Protein backbone atom coordinates (compact mmCIF):
# COMPACT_ATOMS: atom_id res chain seq x y z
CA MET A 1 5.83 27.11 -49.24
CA PHE A 2 7.42 23.74 -48.44
CA SER A 3 4.59 23.32 -45.88
CA ALA A 4 1.82 20.61 -45.30
CA ALA A 5 -0.62 23.08 -47.09
CA ASN A 6 1.16 23.12 -50.76
CA PRO A 7 1.23 20.15 -52.33
CA LEU A 8 4.13 21.45 -54.37
CA PHE A 9 6.69 18.99 -52.51
CA LEU A 10 7.01 15.55 -52.12
CA ARG A 11 9.50 15.42 -49.58
CA MET A 12 9.79 17.86 -46.66
CA PRO A 13 13.34 19.32 -46.21
CA GLU A 14 14.99 19.76 -42.88
CA GLN A 15 14.31 23.34 -42.33
CA ILE A 16 15.00 26.11 -39.50
CA LEU A 17 11.78 28.03 -38.61
CA ILE A 18 12.54 31.96 -38.38
CA LEU A 19 10.07 34.18 -35.90
CA ASP A 20 9.96 37.33 -37.35
CA PHE A 21 9.47 40.32 -34.60
CA GLY A 22 9.62 43.05 -37.42
CA SER A 23 13.28 43.46 -37.74
CA GLN A 24 15.19 45.17 -40.93
CA TYR A 25 17.58 42.02 -40.95
CA THR A 26 14.88 39.04 -40.72
CA GLN A 27 15.21 38.11 -44.36
CA LEU A 28 19.07 38.74 -43.94
CA ILE A 29 19.16 36.17 -41.26
CA ALA A 30 17.25 33.50 -43.74
CA ARG A 31 19.53 34.20 -46.76
CA ARG A 32 22.68 33.20 -44.39
CA VAL A 33 21.04 30.09 -43.31
CA ARG A 34 20.25 29.03 -46.99
CA GLU A 35 23.89 30.00 -47.89
CA LEU A 36 24.56 26.67 -45.31
CA ASN A 37 22.67 24.71 -47.97
CA VAL A 38 19.57 24.77 -45.00
CA TYR A 39 16.31 25.82 -45.99
CA CYS A 40 14.58 28.00 -43.73
CA GLU A 41 11.34 29.82 -43.95
CA ILE A 42 10.06 33.12 -42.10
CA HIS A 43 6.75 33.41 -40.45
CA PRO A 44 5.26 36.08 -38.37
CA TYR A 45 5.87 35.74 -34.13
CA ASN A 46 2.24 35.83 -34.28
CA HIS A 47 1.50 33.29 -36.67
CA LEU A 48 3.20 30.14 -35.47
CA PRO A 49 2.82 27.40 -38.24
CA ALA A 50 2.62 23.42 -36.90
CA LEU A 51 5.83 22.46 -35.43
CA THR A 52 6.19 19.29 -37.77
CA ARG A 53 9.32 16.96 -37.53
CA ASP A 54 10.91 18.61 -40.51
CA ILE A 55 11.88 21.65 -38.02
CA LYS A 56 15.06 21.20 -36.63
CA GLY A 57 15.38 24.38 -34.36
CA VAL A 58 14.07 28.25 -34.20
CA ILE A 59 15.16 31.71 -34.47
CA LEU A 60 13.97 34.68 -32.94
CA SER A 61 14.47 37.75 -35.03
CA GLY A 62 15.20 41.39 -33.66
CA SER A 63 12.57 44.23 -33.71
CA PRO A 64 12.64 47.53 -33.45
CA CYS A 65 10.08 47.39 -30.24
CA SER A 66 11.21 47.22 -26.40
CA VAL A 67 10.52 44.37 -24.34
CA ARG A 68 9.29 46.61 -21.83
CA ASP A 69 6.72 48.09 -24.01
CA ALA A 70 2.90 47.75 -23.49
CA GLY A 71 1.96 45.67 -26.48
CA SER A 72 5.18 45.07 -27.72
CA PRO A 73 5.54 41.47 -29.93
CA ASP A 74 5.30 38.49 -27.54
CA LEU A 75 5.67 34.73 -27.90
CA ASP A 76 4.87 31.70 -25.49
CA LEU A 77 7.83 30.11 -25.68
CA GLY A 78 6.58 27.33 -24.22
CA LEU A 79 5.09 26.63 -27.65
CA LEU A 80 8.37 25.81 -29.02
CA GLY A 81 8.92 22.72 -27.16
CA ALA A 82 12.28 21.51 -26.54
CA LEU A 83 13.41 22.32 -30.20
CA PRO A 84 16.98 24.28 -29.92
CA VAL A 85 16.35 28.40 -30.17
CA LEU A 86 18.39 31.36 -31.06
CA GLY A 87 17.38 34.30 -30.12
CA VAL A 88 18.99 37.61 -31.94
CA CYS A 89 18.94 41.00 -30.33
CA TYR A 90 15.31 41.35 -29.39
CA GLY A 91 14.87 37.94 -29.66
CA ALA A 92 17.37 37.43 -27.12
CA GLN A 93 15.89 39.89 -24.69
CA LEU A 94 12.67 38.53 -25.05
CA LEU A 95 13.91 35.25 -23.85
CA ALA A 96 15.92 36.82 -21.11
CA HIS A 97 13.06 39.10 -19.88
CA LYS A 98 10.10 36.31 -19.99
CA SER A 99 12.56 34.00 -17.66
CA GLY A 100 12.88 36.65 -15.12
CA GLY A 101 15.90 38.33 -16.32
CA THR A 102 16.17 42.39 -16.39
CA VAL A 103 16.00 44.36 -19.51
CA LEU A 104 16.58 48.13 -19.40
CA PRO A 105 17.39 51.06 -21.48
CA SER A 106 21.46 51.43 -22.49
CA GLN A 107 23.22 53.79 -20.53
CA ILE A 108 25.64 54.01 -23.67
CA ARG A 109 24.39 53.97 -27.27
CA GLU A 110 25.19 50.16 -28.39
CA TYR A 111 25.41 50.70 -32.01
CA GLY A 112 27.80 49.07 -34.56
CA ARG A 113 31.08 47.76 -34.28
CA ALA A 114 32.31 45.68 -30.90
CA LYS A 115 34.80 43.18 -29.99
CA LEU A 116 34.00 40.22 -27.86
CA THR A 117 36.24 40.36 -24.89
CA THR A 118 35.30 36.83 -23.20
CA VAL A 119 34.03 33.77 -25.35
CA ASP A 120 33.04 30.37 -23.71
CA HIS A 121 34.71 28.28 -26.13
CA HIS A 122 33.28 24.99 -24.55
CA VAL A 123 29.86 26.06 -25.39
CA ASP A 124 28.86 24.48 -29.01
CA LEU A 125 27.19 28.07 -30.38
CA LEU A 126 31.01 29.76 -30.06
CA LYS A 127 32.95 27.01 -31.14
CA GLU A 128 35.76 28.41 -33.40
CA ILE A 129 34.52 32.01 -32.74
CA SER A 130 37.78 34.03 -31.77
CA LEU A 131 38.40 36.29 -28.85
CA ASP A 132 38.17 39.88 -30.09
CA SER A 133 35.84 38.45 -32.78
CA GLN A 134 34.06 42.07 -34.19
CA VAL A 135 30.39 41.72 -33.88
CA TRP A 136 27.84 44.17 -35.00
CA MET A 137 25.25 45.57 -32.48
CA SER A 138 22.12 47.54 -32.93
CA HIS A 139 19.93 48.03 -29.79
CA SER A 140 18.78 50.91 -27.41
CA ASP A 141 18.02 48.16 -24.71
CA THR A 142 20.39 45.95 -22.89
CA ILE A 143 20.14 42.81 -20.77
CA ALA A 144 20.91 43.96 -17.20
CA SER A 145 20.60 41.05 -15.42
CA LEU A 146 20.01 36.93 -16.15
CA SER A 147 17.68 34.73 -14.19
CA ASP A 148 19.64 31.67 -12.63
CA GLN A 149 18.49 29.71 -15.64
CA PHE A 150 20.94 30.97 -17.86
CA ASP A 151 24.90 31.42 -17.94
CA VAL A 152 26.63 34.21 -19.82
CA ILE A 153 29.03 33.03 -22.46
CA ALA A 154 30.44 36.02 -23.82
CA SER A 155 30.76 39.69 -23.42
CA THR A 156 32.21 42.96 -24.99
CA PRO A 157 33.68 46.01 -23.07
CA SER A 158 30.30 47.80 -22.69
CA VAL A 159 27.81 44.76 -22.89
CA LYS A 160 28.30 42.01 -20.04
CA VAL A 161 25.61 39.80 -21.58
CA ALA A 162 26.44 39.76 -25.42
CA ALA A 163 25.46 36.32 -25.46
CA PHE A 164 23.89 33.55 -23.01
CA LYS A 165 22.94 30.16 -22.99
CA LYS A 166 20.26 28.26 -20.83
CA LYS A 167 21.58 25.63 -18.72
CA ASN A 168 20.84 22.16 -19.74
CA ALA A 169 19.15 23.50 -22.81
CA SER A 170 19.71 24.07 -26.43
CA VAL A 171 18.53 27.55 -25.83
CA TYR A 172 20.62 30.76 -26.48
CA GLY A 173 20.83 34.59 -27.09
CA ILE A 174 22.93 37.03 -28.50
CA GLN A 175 22.78 40.82 -28.41
CA PHE A 176 24.48 41.09 -31.46
CA HIS A 177 23.59 40.50 -35.37
CA PRO A 178 25.45 37.26 -36.88
CA GLU A 179 23.53 37.74 -40.21
CA VAL A 180 25.30 41.04 -41.23
CA THR A 181 29.13 41.03 -42.71
CA HIS A 182 30.00 43.43 -40.17
CA SER A 183 29.86 40.32 -37.71
CA LEU A 184 33.01 38.98 -39.21
CA GLU A 185 32.58 35.32 -38.02
CA GLY A 186 28.91 35.35 -37.72
CA LYS A 187 28.17 32.56 -40.40
CA ASN A 188 30.43 30.46 -38.19
CA LEU A 189 28.10 31.30 -35.13
CA LEU A 190 24.95 30.32 -37.51
CA ARG A 191 26.59 27.44 -39.17
CA ASN A 192 27.18 25.92 -35.32
CA PHE A 193 23.49 26.54 -34.59
CA VAL A 194 21.80 25.41 -37.55
CA VAL A 195 24.44 22.27 -38.53
CA HIS A 196 26.19 21.23 -35.27
CA ILE A 197 23.09 22.23 -32.65
CA CYS A 198 20.56 21.67 -34.49
CA GLY A 199 21.58 18.78 -36.40
CA CYS A 200 20.82 19.85 -40.11
CA ALA A 201 22.47 18.16 -43.01
CA GLN A 202 23.14 20.87 -45.50
CA ASP A 203 21.26 18.99 -48.49
CA TRP A 204 19.25 21.81 -49.60
CA THR A 205 20.90 22.51 -53.11
CA PRO A 206 19.78 23.82 -56.46
CA ASP A 207 20.18 20.29 -57.75
CA GLN A 208 17.90 19.01 -55.21
CA PHE A 209 15.25 21.84 -55.64
CA VAL A 210 15.09 21.12 -59.49
CA GLU A 211 14.66 17.59 -59.11
CA SER A 212 12.08 17.53 -56.14
CA THR A 213 9.94 20.25 -57.85
CA ILE A 214 9.95 18.80 -61.37
CA ALA A 215 8.50 15.72 -59.75
CA THR A 216 6.12 17.40 -57.84
CA LEU A 217 4.68 19.78 -60.51
CA GLN A 218 4.18 16.62 -62.95
CA LYS A 219 2.20 15.34 -59.84
CA GLN A 220 0.47 18.36 -59.14
CA LEU A 221 -0.56 19.14 -62.53
CA GLY A 222 -1.00 15.83 -64.50
CA ASP A 223 -2.55 16.53 -67.80
CA ASP A 224 -3.89 19.84 -67.29
CA LYS A 225 -2.82 22.81 -69.46
CA VAL A 226 -1.03 25.99 -67.51
CA VAL A 227 -1.06 29.16 -68.85
CA MET A 228 1.76 32.09 -68.23
CA ALA A 229 2.63 35.70 -68.59
CA LEU A 230 6.43 36.03 -69.30
CA SER A 231 8.12 39.12 -68.97
CA GLY A 232 11.63 38.32 -69.89
CA GLY A 233 12.77 38.71 -66.21
CA VAL A 234 14.87 35.98 -64.66
CA ASP A 235 11.74 34.98 -62.20
CA SER A 236 8.94 34.18 -64.79
CA THR A 237 12.25 32.79 -67.19
CA VAL A 238 13.00 30.06 -64.49
CA ALA A 239 9.52 29.30 -63.19
CA ALA A 240 8.38 28.86 -66.87
CA THR A 241 11.25 26.30 -67.58
CA LEU A 242 10.41 24.40 -64.19
CA ILE A 243 6.69 23.95 -65.39
CA HIS A 244 7.93 23.12 -69.03
CA LYS A 245 10.36 20.64 -68.09
CA ALA A 246 7.03 19.23 -66.02
CA ILE A 247 4.55 19.29 -68.47
CA GLY A 248 5.88 20.47 -72.00
CA LYS A 249 3.82 21.55 -74.40
CA ASN A 250 0.95 22.04 -71.79
CA LEU A 251 2.68 25.27 -70.48
CA TYR A 252 1.37 28.07 -72.71
CA CYS A 253 3.33 31.44 -72.17
CA ILE A 254 2.07 34.82 -73.35
CA PHE A 255 4.37 37.51 -74.01
CA VAL A 256 3.01 40.82 -74.22
CA ASP A 257 4.53 43.81 -75.61
CA ASN A 258 3.11 46.86 -74.13
CA GLY A 259 5.17 49.54 -75.97
CA LEU A 260 7.30 50.13 -72.66
CA LEU A 261 9.81 47.53 -72.97
CA ARG A 262 13.71 48.51 -73.70
CA LYS A 263 14.54 48.92 -77.51
CA GLY A 264 14.54 45.43 -79.46
CA GLU A 265 13.63 43.71 -76.30
CA PHE A 266 10.36 42.13 -77.80
CA GLU A 267 11.81 40.65 -80.34
CA GLN A 268 15.10 39.48 -78.69
CA VAL A 269 13.24 38.03 -75.73
CA LEU A 270 10.57 36.33 -77.99
CA ALA A 271 13.27 34.52 -80.03
CA SER A 272 15.20 33.37 -76.92
CA TYR A 273 12.06 31.94 -75.20
CA ARG A 274 11.67 29.86 -78.66
CA HIS A 275 14.92 28.57 -78.90
CA MET A 276 14.46 27.71 -75.31
CA GLY A 277 11.74 25.39 -76.81
CA LEU A 278 8.94 27.25 -74.60
CA ASN A 279 5.49 27.20 -76.52
CA ILE A 280 5.16 30.61 -76.53
CA LYS A 281 3.02 33.38 -78.29
CA GLY A 282 3.94 36.89 -78.34
CA VAL A 283 1.34 39.55 -78.62
CA ASP A 284 1.73 43.38 -79.99
CA ALA A 285 -0.62 45.49 -77.51
CA LYS A 286 1.53 48.75 -77.99
CA ASP A 287 -1.63 50.71 -79.34
CA GLN A 288 -3.95 49.15 -76.61
CA PHE A 289 -1.34 50.73 -73.77
CA TYR A 290 -0.42 53.79 -75.21
CA GLN A 291 -4.41 54.55 -75.63
CA ALA A 292 -5.22 53.58 -71.72
CA LEU A 293 -2.28 55.74 -70.90
CA ALA A 294 -2.94 58.95 -72.51
CA ASN A 295 -3.27 62.19 -70.80
CA LEU A 296 -1.90 60.05 -67.51
CA SER A 297 0.53 61.71 -65.45
CA GLU A 298 0.23 60.61 -62.01
CA PRO A 299 2.75 57.60 -61.20
CA GLU A 300 -0.24 55.30 -59.45
CA ALA A 301 -2.73 56.33 -62.06
CA LYS A 302 -0.06 55.06 -65.01
CA ARG A 303 0.57 52.01 -62.80
CA LYS A 304 -3.15 50.72 -62.54
CA ALA A 305 -3.54 51.81 -66.46
CA ILE A 306 -1.01 49.73 -67.30
CA GLY A 307 -1.76 46.77 -64.81
CA LYS A 308 -5.56 46.90 -66.03
CA THR A 309 -4.55 46.87 -69.68
CA PHE A 310 -2.26 44.33 -69.03
CA ILE A 311 -4.98 42.12 -67.74
CA ASP A 312 -7.13 42.45 -70.04
CA VAL A 313 -4.88 41.53 -73.09
CA PHE A 314 -3.87 38.57 -71.16
CA ASP A 315 -7.39 37.54 -70.45
CA GLN A 316 -8.40 37.91 -73.91
CA GLU A 317 -5.43 35.98 -75.13
CA SER A 318 -5.68 33.19 -72.54
CA HIS A 319 -9.77 32.82 -73.50
CA ARG A 320 -8.03 31.52 -76.91
CA ILE A 321 -6.66 28.56 -75.02
CA THR A 322 -9.13 25.86 -74.40
CA ASP A 323 -9.56 23.94 -70.98
CA VAL A 324 -6.97 25.90 -69.06
CA LYS A 325 -6.87 25.25 -65.41
CA TRP A 326 -3.78 26.73 -63.94
CA LEU A 327 -2.20 30.09 -64.03
CA GLY A 328 1.70 30.01 -63.36
CA GLN A 329 3.68 32.95 -61.95
CA GLY A 330 7.10 33.54 -61.01
CA THR A 331 6.30 34.87 -57.57
CA ILE A 332 9.41 34.83 -55.30
CA TYR A 333 10.03 34.56 -51.75
CA PRO A 334 10.38 38.34 -50.59
CA ASP A 335 6.86 38.84 -52.50
CA VAL A 336 5.40 35.92 -50.25
CA ILE A 337 7.31 37.58 -46.80
CA GLU A 338 6.26 41.33 -47.55
CA SER A 339 2.65 40.26 -48.03
CA VAL A 340 1.99 39.20 -44.61
CA SER A 341 2.12 41.90 -41.85
CA VAL A 342 3.96 41.10 -38.82
CA LYS A 343 1.64 43.50 -36.88
CA GLY A 344 -1.78 41.96 -37.25
CA PRO A 345 -3.56 38.37 -37.90
CA SER A 346 -4.48 39.38 -41.29
CA ALA A 347 -2.37 38.71 -44.22
CA THR A 348 -2.66 41.46 -47.49
CA ILE A 349 -1.24 39.61 -50.38
CA LYS A 350 0.41 41.92 -52.75
CA SER A 351 0.12 42.09 -56.29
CA HIS A 352 2.41 40.05 -58.22
CA HIS A 353 4.56 42.22 -60.79
CA ASN A 354 3.52 40.65 -64.06
CA VAL A 355 0.07 40.20 -63.79
CA GLY A 356 -1.45 42.44 -60.73
CA GLY A 357 -4.50 40.83 -60.32
CA LEU A 358 -7.00 38.34 -62.54
CA PRO A 359 -10.41 38.88 -63.56
CA ALA A 360 -12.94 36.71 -61.76
CA THR A 361 -14.05 34.80 -64.66
CA MET A 362 -10.70 32.96 -65.26
CA LYS A 363 -10.98 31.01 -62.15
CA LEU A 364 -7.63 29.81 -62.46
CA LYS A 365 -5.53 27.83 -59.71
CA VAL A 366 -2.11 29.52 -59.41
CA VAL A 367 0.88 27.58 -59.30
CA GLU A 368 4.13 29.36 -57.98
CA PRO A 369 7.32 26.96 -58.23
CA LEU A 370 9.50 29.73 -57.09
CA ASN A 371 7.86 31.20 -54.07
CA THR A 372 10.59 29.85 -51.81
CA LEU A 373 13.14 31.14 -53.10
CA PHE A 374 15.32 34.30 -52.87
CA LYS A 375 16.48 36.14 -56.37
CA ASP A 376 19.65 34.86 -56.00
CA GLU A 377 18.70 31.44 -55.44
CA VAL A 378 16.67 31.69 -58.48
CA ARG A 379 19.51 32.59 -60.38
CA LEU A 380 21.32 29.81 -59.11
CA VAL A 381 18.10 27.34 -59.99
CA GLY A 382 18.29 28.71 -63.64
CA LYS A 383 21.85 27.96 -63.87
CA THR A 384 21.38 24.40 -62.98
CA LEU A 385 18.44 24.43 -65.45
CA GLY A 386 20.84 25.65 -68.36
CA ILE A 387 19.24 29.02 -68.84
CA ASP A 388 21.05 31.40 -71.16
CA PRO A 389 23.40 33.71 -68.73
CA LEU A 390 22.55 36.66 -70.58
CA ILE A 391 18.76 36.23 -69.38
CA LEU A 392 19.96 34.74 -66.00
CA GLY A 393 22.59 37.77 -65.38
CA ARG A 394 19.82 40.32 -66.85
CA HIS A 395 19.07 43.25 -64.35
CA PRO A 396 15.85 43.59 -62.81
CA PHE A 397 13.07 45.83 -64.82
CA PRO A 398 9.90 46.89 -63.47
CA GLY A 399 7.10 45.45 -64.33
CA PRO A 400 5.40 48.92 -65.78
CA GLY A 401 8.72 49.09 -67.82
CA LEU A 402 9.69 52.53 -69.09
CA GLY A 403 5.94 53.59 -67.68
CA ILE A 404 7.79 54.55 -64.56
CA ARG A 405 10.73 55.87 -66.09
CA ILE A 406 8.83 58.49 -68.22
CA LEU A 407 7.73 61.12 -65.62
CA GLY A 408 4.59 62.52 -66.81
CA GLU A 409 2.52 61.86 -69.56
CA ILE A 410 3.59 58.86 -71.62
CA THR A 411 3.57 59.03 -75.75
CA GLU A 412 5.28 57.03 -78.53
CA GLU A 413 7.70 59.95 -78.90
CA LYS A 414 9.01 59.78 -75.17
CA VAL A 415 9.29 56.05 -75.20
CA ARG A 416 11.22 56.53 -78.39
CA ILE A 417 13.77 58.49 -76.82
CA LEU A 418 13.92 57.13 -73.82
CA GLN A 419 14.83 53.73 -75.52
CA ASN A 420 17.55 54.77 -77.37
CA VAL A 421 18.78 56.58 -74.66
CA ASP A 422 18.54 53.27 -72.32
CA HIS A 423 20.06 51.27 -75.18
CA LEU A 424 23.21 53.40 -75.41
CA PHE A 425 23.67 53.36 -71.81
CA ILE A 426 23.51 49.29 -71.11
CA ALA A 427 25.56 48.83 -74.39
CA ALA A 428 28.40 50.62 -72.86
CA LEU A 429 28.05 49.29 -69.54
CA ARG A 430 28.58 45.72 -71.17
CA LYS A 431 31.18 47.12 -73.74
CA HIS A 432 33.39 48.28 -70.30
CA GLY A 433 32.48 45.40 -68.22
CA LEU A 434 30.41 46.97 -65.85
CA TYR A 435 27.38 45.80 -66.51
CA GLU A 436 27.84 42.45 -64.20
CA LYS A 437 29.32 44.95 -61.36
CA VAL A 438 25.93 46.91 -61.41
CA TRP A 439 22.56 45.17 -59.61
CA GLN A 440 20.28 47.59 -61.97
CA ALA A 441 20.46 50.42 -63.98
CA GLY A 442 18.51 52.39 -66.79
CA ALA A 443 17.62 55.71 -67.67
CA VAL A 444 14.72 58.61 -66.78
CA LEU A 445 13.08 60.94 -69.17
CA LEU A 446 12.71 64.23 -67.09
CA PRO A 447 9.79 66.31 -67.58
CA VAL A 448 12.21 69.31 -68.11
CA TYR A 449 13.85 71.05 -71.14
CA THR A 450 16.93 73.42 -70.71
CA VAL A 451 18.74 75.48 -73.21
CA GLY A 452 21.57 73.75 -74.60
CA VAL A 453 24.02 74.57 -77.81
CA MET A 454 25.21 72.29 -80.85
CA GLY A 455 27.30 73.83 -83.26
CA ASP A 456 26.25 77.48 -83.82
CA GLU A 457 22.52 76.76 -82.88
CA ARG A 458 21.01 77.36 -79.53
CA THR A 459 18.65 74.32 -78.41
CA TYR A 460 16.00 73.55 -76.15
CA GLU A 461 15.40 69.87 -75.63
CA ARG A 462 15.19 67.36 -73.04
CA VAL A 463 16.95 66.06 -69.89
CA VAL A 464 17.56 62.68 -69.17
CA ALA A 465 18.85 61.27 -65.95
CA LEU A 466 21.23 58.19 -65.59
CA ARG A 467 20.51 55.64 -62.70
CA ALA A 468 22.73 52.61 -61.64
CA VAL A 469 22.73 51.06 -58.15
CA VAL A 470 25.06 48.33 -56.39
CA SER A 471 22.68 46.31 -54.04
CA VAL A 472 22.17 42.52 -53.06
CA ASP A 473 18.12 42.03 -53.32
CA GLY A 474 16.98 45.51 -54.17
CA MET A 475 15.98 46.47 -50.49
CA THR A 476 18.76 48.87 -50.01
CA ALA A 477 21.14 50.09 -52.77
CA ASP A 478 24.03 52.23 -53.13
CA TRP A 479 24.54 54.11 -56.17
CA ALA A 480 26.97 52.85 -58.46
CA HIS A 481 30.32 54.90 -58.74
CA LEU A 482 30.71 54.88 -62.24
CA PRO A 483 33.95 55.91 -63.60
CA HIS A 484 33.88 59.38 -64.68
CA ASP A 485 35.47 59.04 -68.02
CA PHE A 486 32.98 56.38 -68.85
CA LEU A 487 30.03 58.65 -67.71
CA SER A 488 31.56 61.41 -69.72
CA ASP A 489 31.34 59.26 -72.94
CA VAL A 490 27.92 58.10 -72.39
CA SER A 491 26.87 61.77 -71.93
CA SER A 492 28.40 62.54 -75.27
CA ASP A 493 26.99 59.60 -76.91
CA ILE A 494 23.49 60.11 -75.87
CA ILE A 495 23.33 64.03 -76.50
CA ASN A 496 24.89 63.11 -80.28
CA GLN A 497 22.92 60.07 -80.77
CA VAL A 498 19.84 60.72 -79.41
CA LYS A 499 17.52 63.47 -81.00
CA GLY A 500 15.61 65.50 -78.54
CA VAL A 501 18.18 65.05 -75.39
CA ASN A 502 20.88 68.04 -74.69
CA ARG A 503 21.56 67.31 -71.12
CA VAL A 504 22.42 64.11 -68.88
CA VAL A 505 22.60 64.16 -65.53
CA TYR A 506 23.57 61.32 -63.16
CA ASP A 507 21.77 60.15 -59.79
CA ILE A 508 23.70 59.77 -56.90
CA SER A 509 20.96 58.83 -54.33
CA SER A 510 21.19 55.74 -52.33
CA LYS A 511 18.06 53.62 -51.03
CA PRO A 512 17.10 54.72 -48.56
CA PRO A 513 15.96 57.59 -48.63
CA ALA A 514 15.49 57.31 -52.40
CA THR A 515 13.97 54.36 -54.21
CA ILE A 516 15.78 52.97 -56.99
CA GLU A 517 12.87 53.74 -59.50
CA TRP A 518 11.72 57.64 -59.57
CA GLU A 519 8.19 56.74 -59.65
């Protein structure tokens, strides 16, 4: 992160501190702030960082909890000093509750769209917010009354205290969510707080990030050697490019063929990396992975076998390079956020997608140049670096690869079938201009055989499921409404061209309640 404890940045940017009380929308607040070209960080409410002069303001997130409950998330507001504060939903109720106001269960359900029927335009937070502006409510409690420290500055027909301000101080509370798109002028409200009230300069851009990061990597790494596993995905590619621009040939990249990649992917990606000038070695380890996966059907057992085998291969290849001191990783900000518990003081660091753990014998320091960025920001940085759009625009692909898209035991024959199915599906999406409209797509080989008819013969062959979703960041996703004619043509192509498949189904489940991957 951009913090005093991390030497990754020479100059600390101005930032907004977001304190997380457990809301499902907290990351969305951060995304909206960053869309204003202002840097921000999310921290658990019970892990308040040092309030350096670079922190210009604080946003208190929502929460599924009630301030009325014993043991609900709490914060000593005095620790925030004189910084501007914006409380959102639970954050607003906490401000009101701790200042002597009354928070009660809502008499009517306050969830969904609402209209602001009164707006105090003299207050900086509500400048250029329209009367009757649509906002999004999502709370079971409501602020019934405020102490005399506060003034009501906005209301809806059912919520008298939709927004309030502390007298003679830049402390605000709102009972709606400005970060969701249903609040039509929510971005304007956040701009008012971040730019006009907190005074942030809006100078945190991809160009600035690239320049600062490369300079700091040069200072941090010096003449040291860095080893890094590449996956062909956006995150590891952008991270490797930044490190390469900083230290050149002292970055040693390893791309492992685990036998679970897409059709032709190993050769294509390896050629792309070499064209980019990266110092990379391709390792064919298919047989090792297939042996490790033999007779395994349970999803978690397969994941662990894939992860352990990858570590073994990576460790073996790394030891061929002398005097390596650093491990490069493509960790991005959601990985960091999700690794820290809001509920307790301890932080459990989750396994990274490409490595998943390191042998103790490696004893490498870790460098993660993207660990402050969201996925869309990584793509913007990649664009600034001039990385091939075909790589930047690639759909996310799971670390275990096709290993979690083959339900049941994995064999070379099953991999061959699924690779061919997936290739036809992805190629068709590209051909029909649908690939960029879908966030992620792929095929799943089911452990099911069905009866079919081909020509005059009956068949008894496999079933594949096609999956395509639209999403922003994968946290939630809707199934993609692909044209029926397109799905019909793809189904015919798969059944006619892939030996061993006689039935195709399309997954129309959204996340939640389903997940994007089947395992």
